[in-house]
Amino acid sequence: MVLLLTEGQMSDHRGAALMLSSLPRAKELLGDKGYDSNRFREALVERGIAPCIPSSKSRKVPLPYDKALYRQRHRIENMFGRLKDWRRIAMRYDRCAHTFMSAICLAATVLFWINER
């Protein structure tokens, strides 16, 4: 598993393109409109991954996607919502990326442990 922490100004599809080579085998990739770019979609298809990404508003002709599968994305959003319950993470108190990533890992571990009980 590879984790990548990028600056807040970087677009989603550029950050995802950096991790493309380390993606595990998958049939589909769920992403929000921030991941909608032709280059990223083509790279996914080359790897045999079907993109389930709604088109951004700037597309003149919207691309089709599996709406039933996309609805499952709420689980991912719920996980980020739980992480942001931790004030340190939501407000990004840590200036150092290493310390911030450590806080995220600690919070994720505690949340996983709490849910397993």
N, C-alpha and C. Protein backbone atom coordinates (compact mmCIF):
# COMPACT_ATOMS: atom_id res chain seq x y z
N MET A 1 0.83 -1.18 0.00
CA MET A 1 0.00 0.00 0.00
C MET A 1 0.88 1.24 0.00
N VAL A 2 0.51 2.18 -0.83
CA VAL A 2 1.28 3.42 -0.95
C VAL A 2 0.36 4.58 -0.59
N LEU A 3 0.86 5.47 0.24
CA LEU A 3 0.13 6.68 0.59
C LEU A 3 0.87 7.87 0.01
N LEU A 4 0.12 8.81 -0.53
CA LEU A 4 0.72 10.00 -1.11
C LEU A 4 0.00 11.21 -0.53
N LEU A 5 0.75 12.12 0.04
CA LEU A 5 0.20 13.35 0.58
C LEU A 5 0.67 14.49 -0.31
N THR A 6 -0.26 15.19 -0.94
CA THR A 6 0.09 16.29 -1.83
C THR A 6 -0.37 17.60 -1.22
N GLU A 7 0.15 18.70 -1.77
CA GLU A 7 -0.27 20.01 -1.29
C GLU A 7 -1.72 20.25 -1.69
N GLY A 8 -2.38 21.14 -0.99
CA GLY A 8 -3.80 21.39 -1.21
C GLY A 8 -4.12 21.99 -2.56
N GLN A 9 -3.14 22.64 -3.20
CA GLN A 9 -3.39 23.29 -4.47
C GLN A 9 -3.31 22.34 -5.66
N MET A 10 -2.79 21.13 -5.47
CA MET A 10 -2.65 20.19 -6.58
C MET A 10 -4.00 19.58 -6.93
N SER A 11 -4.29 19.49 -8.22
CA SER A 11 -5.57 18.91 -8.64
C SER A 11 -5.58 17.41 -8.35
N ASP A 12 -6.77 16.86 -8.19
CA ASP A 12 -6.92 15.46 -7.83
C ASP A 12 -6.35 14.53 -8.88
N HIS A 13 -6.62 14.80 -10.15
CA HIS A 13 -6.17 13.86 -11.17
C HIS A 13 -4.66 13.88 -11.35
N ARG A 14 -3.99 14.98 -11.03
CA ARG A 14 -2.52 15.00 -11.09
C ARG A 14 -1.91 14.17 -9.96
N GLY A 15 -2.48 14.28 -8.77
CA GLY A 15 -2.01 13.48 -7.65
C GLY A 15 -2.26 12.00 -7.89
N ALA A 16 -3.41 11.67 -8.48
CA ALA A 16 -3.74 10.28 -8.77
C ALA A 16 -2.81 9.73 -9.85
N ALA A 17 -2.45 10.55 -10.81
CA ALA A 17 -1.54 10.11 -11.88
C ALA A 17 -0.17 9.73 -11.30
N LEU A 18 0.25 10.40 -10.22
CA LEU A 18 1.52 10.06 -9.58
C LEU A 18 1.48 8.66 -8.95
N MET A 19 0.30 8.23 -8.53
CA MET A 19 0.16 6.94 -7.87
C MET A 19 -0.30 5.83 -8.81
N LEU A 20 -0.51 6.16 -10.07
CA LEU A 20 -1.08 5.21 -11.01
C LEU A 20 -0.27 3.92 -11.11
N SER A 21 1.05 4.02 -11.10
CA SER A 21 1.88 2.82 -11.23
C SER A 21 1.79 1.91 -10.01
N SER A 22 1.39 2.44 -8.84
CA SER A 22 1.29 1.61 -7.64
C SER A 22 -0.13 1.17 -7.31
N LEU A 23 -1.07 1.42 -8.19
CA LEU A 23 -2.44 0.96 -7.94
C LEU A 23 -2.50 -0.56 -7.96
N PRO A 24 -3.25 -1.14 -7.05
CA PRO A 24 -3.43 -2.60 -7.08
C PRO A 24 -4.34 -2.99 -8.25
N ARG A 25 -4.37 -4.27 -8.54
CA ARG A 25 -5.27 -4.74 -9.60
C ARG A 25 -6.70 -4.45 -9.19
N ALA A 26 -7.45 -3.93 -10.13
CA ALA A 26 -8.85 -3.59 -9.84
C ALA A 26 -9.64 -3.63 -11.14
N LYS A 27 -10.94 -3.81 -10.99
CA LYS A 27 -11.82 -3.78 -12.16
C LYS A 27 -12.28 -2.36 -12.44
N GLU A 28 -12.58 -1.62 -11.36
CA GLU A 28 -13.10 -0.26 -11.50
C GLU A 28 -12.43 0.67 -10.50
N LEU A 29 -12.45 1.95 -10.83
CA LEU A 29 -11.94 2.97 -9.93
C LEU A 29 -13.04 4.00 -9.73
N LEU A 30 -13.43 4.22 -8.48
CA LEU A 30 -14.44 5.23 -8.15
C LEU A 30 -13.73 6.54 -7.87
N GLY A 31 -14.18 7.59 -8.51
CA GLY A 31 -13.59 8.90 -8.28
C GLY A 31 -14.63 9.99 -8.47
N ASP A 32 -14.42 11.14 -7.83
CA ASP A 32 -15.36 12.23 -8.02
C ASP A 32 -14.96 13.04 -9.25
N LYS A 33 -15.65 14.14 -9.47
CA LYS A 33 -15.43 14.94 -10.67
C LYS A 33 -14.02 15.51 -10.76
N GLY A 34 -13.34 15.62 -9.64
CA GLY A 34 -11.97 16.13 -9.63
C GLY A 34 -10.99 15.22 -10.36
N TYR A 35 -11.35 13.96 -10.56
CA TYR A 35 -10.48 13.01 -11.24
C TYR A 35 -10.80 12.90 -12.72
N ASP A 36 -11.69 13.73 -13.23
CA ASP A 36 -12.11 13.66 -14.62
C ASP A 36 -11.11 14.37 -15.53
N SER A 37 -10.29 13.60 -16.20
CA SER A 37 -9.41 14.12 -17.25
C SER A 37 -9.19 13.00 -18.26
N ASN A 38 -9.07 13.39 -19.50
CA ASN A 38 -8.88 12.39 -20.56
C ASN A 38 -7.63 11.56 -20.34
N ARG A 39 -6.54 12.22 -19.96
CA ARG A 39 -5.27 11.52 -19.75
C ARG A 39 -5.38 10.47 -18.64
N PHE A 40 -6.02 10.83 -17.53
CA PHE A 40 -6.16 9.90 -16.42
C PHE A 40 -7.07 8.74 -16.80
N ARG A 41 -8.17 9.04 -17.48
CA ARG A 41 -9.08 7.97 -17.93
C ARG A 41 -8.37 7.00 -18.87
N GLU A 42 -7.60 7.53 -19.81
CA GLU A 42 -6.88 6.67 -20.76
C GLU A 42 -5.86 5.79 -20.04
N ALA A 43 -5.17 6.36 -19.05
CA ALA A 43 -4.18 5.58 -18.30
C ALA A 43 -4.86 4.45 -17.53
N LEU A 44 -6.05 4.71 -17.00
CA LEU A 44 -6.78 3.66 -16.29
C LEU A 44 -7.20 2.54 -17.25
N VAL A 45 -7.71 2.91 -18.40
CA VAL A 45 -8.15 1.92 -19.38
C VAL A 45 -6.96 1.07 -19.86
N GLU A 46 -5.79 1.68 -20.03
CA GLU A 46 -4.58 0.93 -20.41
C GLU A 46 -4.23 -0.12 -19.38
N ARG A 47 -4.51 0.15 -18.12
CA ARG A 47 -4.23 -0.80 -17.04
C ARG A 47 -5.37 -1.79 -16.84
N GLY A 48 -6.42 -1.68 -17.64
CA GLY A 48 -7.56 -2.60 -17.52
C GLY A 48 -8.53 -2.23 -16.43
N ILE A 49 -8.53 -0.97 -16.02
CA ILE A 49 -9.40 -0.48 -14.96
C ILE A 49 -10.48 0.40 -15.59
N ALA A 50 -11.73 0.08 -15.32
CA ALA A 50 -12.83 0.89 -15.85
C ALA A 50 -13.05 2.09 -14.94
N PRO A 51 -12.96 3.32 -15.46
CA PRO A 51 -13.19 4.49 -14.62
C PRO A 51 -14.68 4.71 -14.36
N CYS A 52 -15.04 4.89 -13.11
CA CYS A 52 -16.41 5.24 -12.72
C CYS A 52 -16.34 6.65 -12.15
N ILE A 53 -16.23 7.62 -13.06
CA ILE A 53 -16.01 9.01 -12.70
C ILE A 53 -17.02 9.87 -13.45
N PRO A 54 -17.84 10.63 -12.75
CA PRO A 54 -18.77 11.52 -13.46
C PRO A 54 -18.00 12.64 -14.16
N SER A 55 -18.56 13.13 -15.23
CA SER A 55 -17.91 14.18 -16.00
C SER A 55 -17.97 15.52 -15.27
N SER A 56 -16.93 16.31 -15.43
CA SER A 56 -16.93 17.65 -14.84
C SER A 56 -17.85 18.55 -15.66
N LYS A 57 -18.22 19.67 -15.09
CA LYS A 57 -19.14 20.59 -15.78
C LYS A 57 -18.52 21.19 -17.03
N SER A 58 -17.19 21.20 -17.10
CA SER A 58 -16.53 21.81 -18.26
C SER A 58 -16.57 20.93 -19.51
N ARG A 59 -16.94 19.67 -19.37
CA ARG A 59 -17.07 18.78 -20.55
C ARG A 59 -18.30 19.17 -21.35
N LYS A 60 -18.10 19.29 -22.65
CA LYS A 60 -19.23 19.63 -23.52
C LYS A 60 -20.16 18.44 -23.69
N VAL A 61 -19.57 17.25 -23.82
CA VAL A 61 -20.36 16.02 -23.95
C VAL A 61 -20.03 15.14 -22.74
N PRO A 62 -20.97 14.98 -21.81
CA PRO A 62 -20.71 14.16 -20.62
C PRO A 62 -20.43 12.70 -20.99
N LEU A 63 -19.48 12.10 -20.29
CA LEU A 63 -19.16 10.69 -20.50
C LEU A 63 -20.02 9.82 -19.59
N PRO A 64 -20.42 8.64 -20.06
CA PRO A 64 -21.24 7.76 -19.24
C PRO A 64 -20.44 7.13 -18.10
N TYR A 65 -21.12 6.81 -17.01
CA TYR A 65 -20.52 6.10 -15.88
C TYR A 65 -21.61 5.31 -15.18
N ASP A 66 -21.22 4.33 -14.40
CA ASP A 66 -22.16 3.45 -13.70
C ASP A 66 -22.67 4.17 -12.45
N LYS A 67 -23.88 4.68 -12.51
CA LYS A 67 -24.44 5.46 -11.40
C LYS A 67 -24.70 4.60 -10.16
N ALA A 68 -25.08 3.35 -10.36
CA ALA A 68 -25.33 2.46 -9.22
C ALA A 68 -24.02 2.18 -8.47
N LEU A 69 -22.95 1.97 -9.20
CA LEU A 69 -21.65 1.74 -8.57
C LEU A 69 -21.15 3.01 -7.89
N TYR A 70 -21.37 4.15 -8.53
CA TYR A 70 -20.89 5.42 -7.98
C TYR A 70 -21.54 5.73 -6.63
N ARG A 71 -22.77 5.27 -6.43
CA ARG A 71 -23.45 5.50 -5.15
C ARG A 71 -22.71 4.86 -3.98
N GLN A 72 -21.91 3.85 -4.25
CA GLN A 72 -21.14 3.18 -3.19
C GLN A 72 -20.03 4.07 -2.63
N ARG A 73 -19.75 5.17 -3.32
CA ARG A 73 -18.68 6.07 -2.91
C ARG A 73 -18.96 6.72 -1.56
N HIS A 74 -20.20 6.69 -1.11
CA HIS A 74 -20.53 7.31 0.18
C HIS A 74 -19.73 6.68 1.31
N ARG A 75 -19.34 5.43 1.17
CA ARG A 75 -18.54 4.77 2.21
C ARG A 75 -17.18 5.44 2.34
N ILE A 76 -16.61 5.81 1.22
CA ILE A 76 -15.31 6.50 1.22
C ILE A 76 -15.47 7.87 1.87
N GLU A 77 -16.52 8.59 1.47
CA GLU A 77 -16.76 9.92 2.04
C GLU A 77 -17.02 9.84 3.55
N ASN A 78 -17.71 8.80 4.00
CA ASN A 78 -17.95 8.62 5.44
C ASN A 78 -16.64 8.44 6.19
N MET A 79 -15.70 7.70 5.59
CA MET A 79 -14.40 7.49 6.23
C MET A 79 -13.65 8.82 6.39
N PHE A 80 -13.66 9.65 5.34
CA PHE A 80 -13.00 10.95 5.44
C PHE A 80 -13.71 11.84 6.45
N GLY A 81 -15.02 11.74 6.52
CA GLY A 81 -15.77 12.50 7.51
C GLY A 81 -15.39 12.12 8.93
N ARG A 82 -15.20 10.82 9.17
CA ARG A 82 -14.78 10.36 10.51
C ARG A 82 -13.38 10.85 10.84
N LEU A 83 -12.49 10.84 9.85
CA LEU A 83 -11.14 11.34 10.09
C LEU A 83 -11.16 12.83 10.45
N LYS A 84 -12.06 13.57 9.81
CA LYS A 84 -12.12 15.01 10.06
C LYS A 84 -12.79 15.35 11.38
N ASP A 85 -13.33 14.33 12.08
CA ASP A 85 -13.80 14.56 13.44
C ASP A 85 -12.63 14.86 14.36
N TRP A 86 -11.46 14.45 13.97
CA TRP A 86 -10.24 14.73 14.72
C TRP A 86 -9.82 16.16 14.35
N ARG A 87 -9.91 17.05 15.30
CA ARG A 87 -9.65 18.47 15.05
C ARG A 87 -8.27 18.71 14.46
N ARG A 88 -7.29 17.99 14.93
CA ARG A 88 -5.92 18.14 14.45
C ARG A 88 -5.83 17.91 12.94
N ILE A 89 -6.62 16.95 12.43
CA ILE A 89 -6.60 16.63 11.01
C ILE A 89 -7.45 17.63 10.23
N ALA A 90 -8.62 17.93 10.73
CA ALA A 90 -9.52 18.85 10.02
C ALA A 90 -8.90 20.23 9.85
N MET A 91 -8.20 20.72 10.87
CA MET A 91 -7.63 22.07 10.82
C MET A 91 -6.19 22.08 10.31
N ARG A 92 -5.60 20.91 10.10
CA ARG A 92 -4.23 20.76 9.61
C ARG A 92 -3.25 21.59 10.45
N TYR A 93 -3.21 21.26 11.75
CA TYR A 93 -2.32 21.97 12.66
C TYR A 93 -0.85 21.67 12.37
N ASP A 94 -0.56 20.50 11.88
CA ASP A 94 0.83 20.12 11.65
C ASP A 94 1.36 20.74 10.37
N ARG A 95 2.48 21.40 10.47
CA ARG A 95 3.08 22.01 9.28
C ARG A 95 3.88 20.99 8.49
N CYS A 96 4.50 20.08 9.16
CA CYS A 96 5.33 19.07 8.51
C CYS A 96 4.43 17.97 7.94
N ALA A 97 4.64 17.63 6.66
CA ALA A 97 3.81 16.62 6.00
C ALA A 97 3.94 15.27 6.69
N HIS A 98 5.14 14.95 7.18
CA HIS A 98 5.38 13.67 7.85
C HIS A 98 4.54 13.57 9.13
N THR A 99 4.50 14.64 9.90
CA THR A 99 3.73 14.64 11.14
C THR A 99 2.24 14.58 10.85
N PHE A 100 1.80 15.30 9.81
CA PHE A 100 0.38 15.27 9.43
C PHE A 100 -0.03 13.87 8.99
N MET A 101 0.80 13.22 8.19
CA MET A 101 0.50 11.86 7.73
C MET A 101 0.48 10.90 8.92
N SER A 102 1.36 11.11 9.88
CA SER A 102 1.38 10.27 11.08
C SER A 102 0.08 10.44 11.87
N ALA A 103 -0.41 11.67 11.97
CA ALA A 103 -1.68 11.91 12.68
C ALA A 103 -2.83 11.21 11.96
N ILE A 104 -2.83 11.24 10.63
CA ILE A 104 -3.88 10.56 9.86
C ILE A 104 -3.82 9.06 10.11
N CYS A 105 -2.62 8.49 10.09
CA CYS A 105 -2.47 7.05 10.32
C CYS A 105 -2.91 6.66 11.73
N LEU A 106 -2.57 7.47 12.72
CA LEU A 106 -2.98 7.21 14.09
C LEU A 106 -4.51 7.26 14.21
N ALA A 107 -5.11 8.29 13.64
CA ALA A 107 -6.57 8.41 13.71
C ALA A 107 -7.25 7.25 12.99
N ALA A 108 -6.75 6.86 11.84
CA ALA A 108 -7.33 5.74 11.10
C ALA A 108 -7.22 4.45 11.89
N THR A 109 -6.10 4.25 12.56
CA THR A 109 -5.91 3.05 13.37
C THR A 109 -6.90 3.01 14.53
N VAL A 110 -7.06 4.12 15.22
CA VAL A 110 -7.99 4.18 16.35
C VAL A 110 -9.42 3.96 15.86
N LEU A 111 -9.79 4.59 14.75
CA LEU A 111 -11.15 4.42 14.21
C LEU A 111 -11.40 2.97 13.81
N PHE A 112 -10.41 2.33 13.21
CA PHE A 112 -10.55 0.93 12.84
C PHE A 112 -10.72 0.07 14.09
N TRP A 113 -9.91 0.35 15.12
CA TRP A 113 -9.98 -0.43 16.36
C TRP A 113 -11.33 -0.26 17.04
N ILE A 114 -11.86 0.97 17.04
CA ILE A 114 -13.16 1.23 17.66
C ILE A 114 -14.28 0.49 16.91
N ASN A 115 -14.21 0.48 15.58
CA ASN A 115 -15.26 -0.18 14.79
C ASN A 115 -15.21 -1.70 14.87
N GLU A 116 -14.06 -2.26 15.21
CA GLU A 116 -13.92 -3.71 15.32
C GLU A 116 -14.48 -4.25 16.62
N ARG A 117 -14.67 -3.40 17.62
CA ARG A 117 -15.12 -3.85 18.94
C ARG A 117 -16.56 -4.16 18.96
